[in-house]
Amino acid sequence: DDKGVWTCGITGSPTNCKANYAPANCPKS
């Protein structure tokens, strides 16, 4: 589920990113 990546950008919480995605790779809003 790729929502984990987008959730990081939407909520602004890097902890919501998938384990294989670094916070720097999360979409920034």
PDB file of N, CA and C in Angstrom:
ATOM      1  N   ASP A   1       0.845  -1.208   0.000  1.00  0.00           N
ATOM      2  CA  ASP A   1       0.000   0.000   0.000  1.00  0.00           C
ATOM      3  C   ASP A   1       0.872   1.247   0.000  1.00  0.00           C
ATOM      4  N   ASP A   2       0.784   2.017  -1.060  1.00  0.00           N
ATOM      5  CA  ASP A   2       1.651   3.200  -1.166  1.00  0.00           C
ATOM      6  C   ASP A   2       1.123   4.366  -0.344  1.00  0.00           C
ATOM      7  N   LYS A   3      -0.033   4.213   0.288  1.00  0.00           N
ATOM      8  CA  LYS A   3      -0.597   5.309   1.084  1.00  0.00           C
ATOM      9  C   LYS A   3       0.328   5.707   2.219  1.00  0.00           C
ATOM     10  N   GLY A   4       1.161   4.776   2.671  1.00  0.00           N
ATOM     11  CA  GLY A   4       2.087   5.066   3.764  1.00  0.00           C
ATOM     12  C   GLY A   4       3.022   6.204   3.398  1.00  0.00           C
ATOM     13  N   VAL A   5       3.400   6.266   2.116  1.00  0.00           N
ATOM     14  CA  VAL A   5       4.301   7.317   1.666  1.00  0.00           C
ATOM     15  C   VAL A   5       3.586   8.654   1.672  1.00  0.00           C
ATOM     16  N   TRP A   6       2.386   8.671   1.105  1.00  0.00           N
ATOM     17  CA  TRP A   6       1.642   9.929   1.011  1.00  0.00           C
ATOM     18  C   TRP A   6       1.179  10.410   2.374  1.00  0.00           C
ATOM     19  N   THR A   7       0.869   9.467   3.252  1.00  0.00           N
ATOM     20  CA  THR A   7       0.402   9.839   4.588  1.00  0.00           C
ATOM     21  C   THR A   7       1.433  10.714   5.274  1.00  0.00           C
ATOM     22  N   CYS A   8       2.715  10.409   5.047  1.00  0.00           N
ATOM     23  CA  CYS A   8       3.786  11.175   5.665  1.00  0.00           C
ATOM     24  C   CYS A   8       3.685  12.627   5.233  1.00  0.00           C
ATOM     25  N   GLY A   9       3.454  12.859   3.938  1.00  0.00           N
ATOM     26  CA  GLY A   9       3.383  14.218   3.426  1.00  0.00           C
ATOM     27  C   GLY A   9       2.123  14.926   3.899  1.00  0.00           C
ATOM     28  N   ILE A  10       1.023  14.168   3.998  1.00  0.00           N
ATOM     29  CA  ILE A  10      -0.252  14.767   4.383  1.00  0.00           C
ATOM     30  C   ILE A  10      -0.266  15.114   5.869  1.00  0.00           C
ATOM     31  N   THR A  11       0.209  14.186   6.699  1.00  0.00           N
ATOM     32  CA  THR A  11       0.154  14.408   8.138  1.00  0.00           C
ATOM     33  C   THR A  11       1.390  15.143   8.636  1.00  0.00           C
ATOM     34  N   GLY A  12       2.458  15.085   7.840  1.00  0.00           N
ATOM     35  CA  GLY A  12       3.695  15.729   8.259  1.00  0.00           C
ATOM     36  C   GLY A  12       4.414  14.912   9.309  1.00  0.00           C
ATOM     37  N   SER A  13       4.031  13.640   9.451  1.00  0.00           N
ATOM     38  CA  SER A  13       4.678  12.778  10.437  1.00  0.00           C
ATOM     39  C   SER A  13       5.539  11.731   9.739  1.00  0.00           C
ATOM     40  N   PRO A  14       6.852  11.896   9.760  1.00  0.00           N
ATOM     41  CA  PRO A  14       7.774  10.952   9.109  1.00  0.00           C
ATOM     42  C   PRO A  14       7.593   9.529   9.616  1.00  0.00           C
ATOM     43  N   THR A  15       7.083   9.372  10.822  1.00  0.00           N
ATOM     44  CA  THR A  15       6.894   8.046  11.401  1.00  0.00           C
ATOM     45  C   THR A  15       5.846   7.265  10.629  1.00  0.00           C
ATOM     46  N   ASN A  16       5.011   7.954   9.864  1.00  0.00           N
ATOM     47  CA  ASN A  16       3.974   7.275   9.098  1.00  0.00           C
ATOM     48  C   ASN A  16       4.509   6.747   7.774  1.00  0.00           C
ATOM     49  N   CYS A  17       5.761   7.112   7.456  1.00  0.00           N
ATOM     50  CA  CYS A  17       6.363   6.646   6.204  1.00  0.00           C
ATOM     51  C   CYS A  17       6.616   5.156   6.286  1.00  0.00           C
ATOM     52  N   LYS A  18       6.632   4.506   5.124  1.00  0.00           N
ATOM     53  CA  LYS A  18       6.989   3.085   5.100  1.00  0.00           C
ATOM     54  C   LYS A  18       8.442   2.938   5.512  1.00  0.00           C
ATOM     55  N   ALA A  19       8.772   1.770   6.001  1.00  0.00           N
ATOM     56  CA  ALA A  19      10.137   1.526   6.489  1.00  0.00           C
ATOM     57  C   ALA A  19      11.166   1.680   5.372  1.00  0.00           C
ATOM     58  N   ASN A  20      10.783   1.394   4.135  1.00  0.00           N
ATOM     59  CA  ASN A  20      11.736   1.474   3.024  1.00  0.00           C
ATOM     60  C   ASN A  20      11.764   2.868   2.405  1.00  0.00           C
ATOM     61  N   TYR A  21      11.118   3.832   3.032  1.00  0.00           N
ATOM     62  CA  TYR A  21      11.148   5.209   2.542  1.00  0.00           C
ATOM     63  C   TYR A  21      11.741   6.109   3.605  1.00  0.00           C
ATOM     64  N   ALA A  22      12.712   6.900   3.226  1.00  0.00           N
ATOM     65  CA  ALA A  22      13.307   7.835   4.178  1.00  0.00           C
ATOM     66  C   ALA A  22      12.438   9.079   4.252  1.00  0.00           C
ATOM     67  N   PRO A  23      12.397   9.760   5.406  1.00  0.00           N
ATOM     68  CA  PRO A  23      11.593  10.979   5.579  1.00  0.00           C
ATOM     69  C   PRO A  23      11.878  11.994   4.488  1.00  0.00           C
ATOM     70  N   ALA A  24      13.114  12.041   4.007  1.00  0.00           N
ATOM     71  CA  ALA A  24      13.492  12.997   2.964  1.00  0.00           C
ATOM     72  C   ALA A  24      12.798  12.672   1.649  1.00  0.00           C
ATOM     73  N   ASN A  25      12.388  11.406   1.481  1.00  0.00           N
ATOM     74  CA  ASN A  25      11.729  10.991   0.246  1.00  0.00           C
ATOM     75  C   ASN A  25      10.226  11.198   0.298  1.00  0.00           C
ATOM     76  N   CYS A  26       9.714  11.570   1.467  1.00  0.00           N
ATOM     77  CA  CYS A  26       8.275  11.779   1.596  1.00  0.00           C
ATOM     78  C   CYS A  26       7.875  13.070   0.902  1.00  0.00           C
ATOM     79  N   PRO A  27       6.693  13.096   0.294  1.00  0.00           N
ATOM     80  CA  PRO A  27       6.188  14.325  -0.330  1.00  0.00           C
ATOM     81  C   PRO A  27       6.040  15.418   0.704  1.00  0.00           C
ATOM     82  N   LYS A  28       6.503  16.622   0.380  1.00  0.00           N
ATOM     83  CA  LYS A  28       6.394  17.721   1.337  1.00  0.00           C
ATOM     84  C   LYS A  28       5.212  18.603   0.973  1.00  0.00           C
ATOM     85  N   SER A  29       4.384  18.942   1.936  1.00  0.00           N
ATOM     86  CA  SER A  29       3.207  19.756   1.676  1.00  0.00           C
ATOM     87  C   SER A  29       3.442  21.164   2.183  1.00  0.00           C
TER      88      SER A  29
END
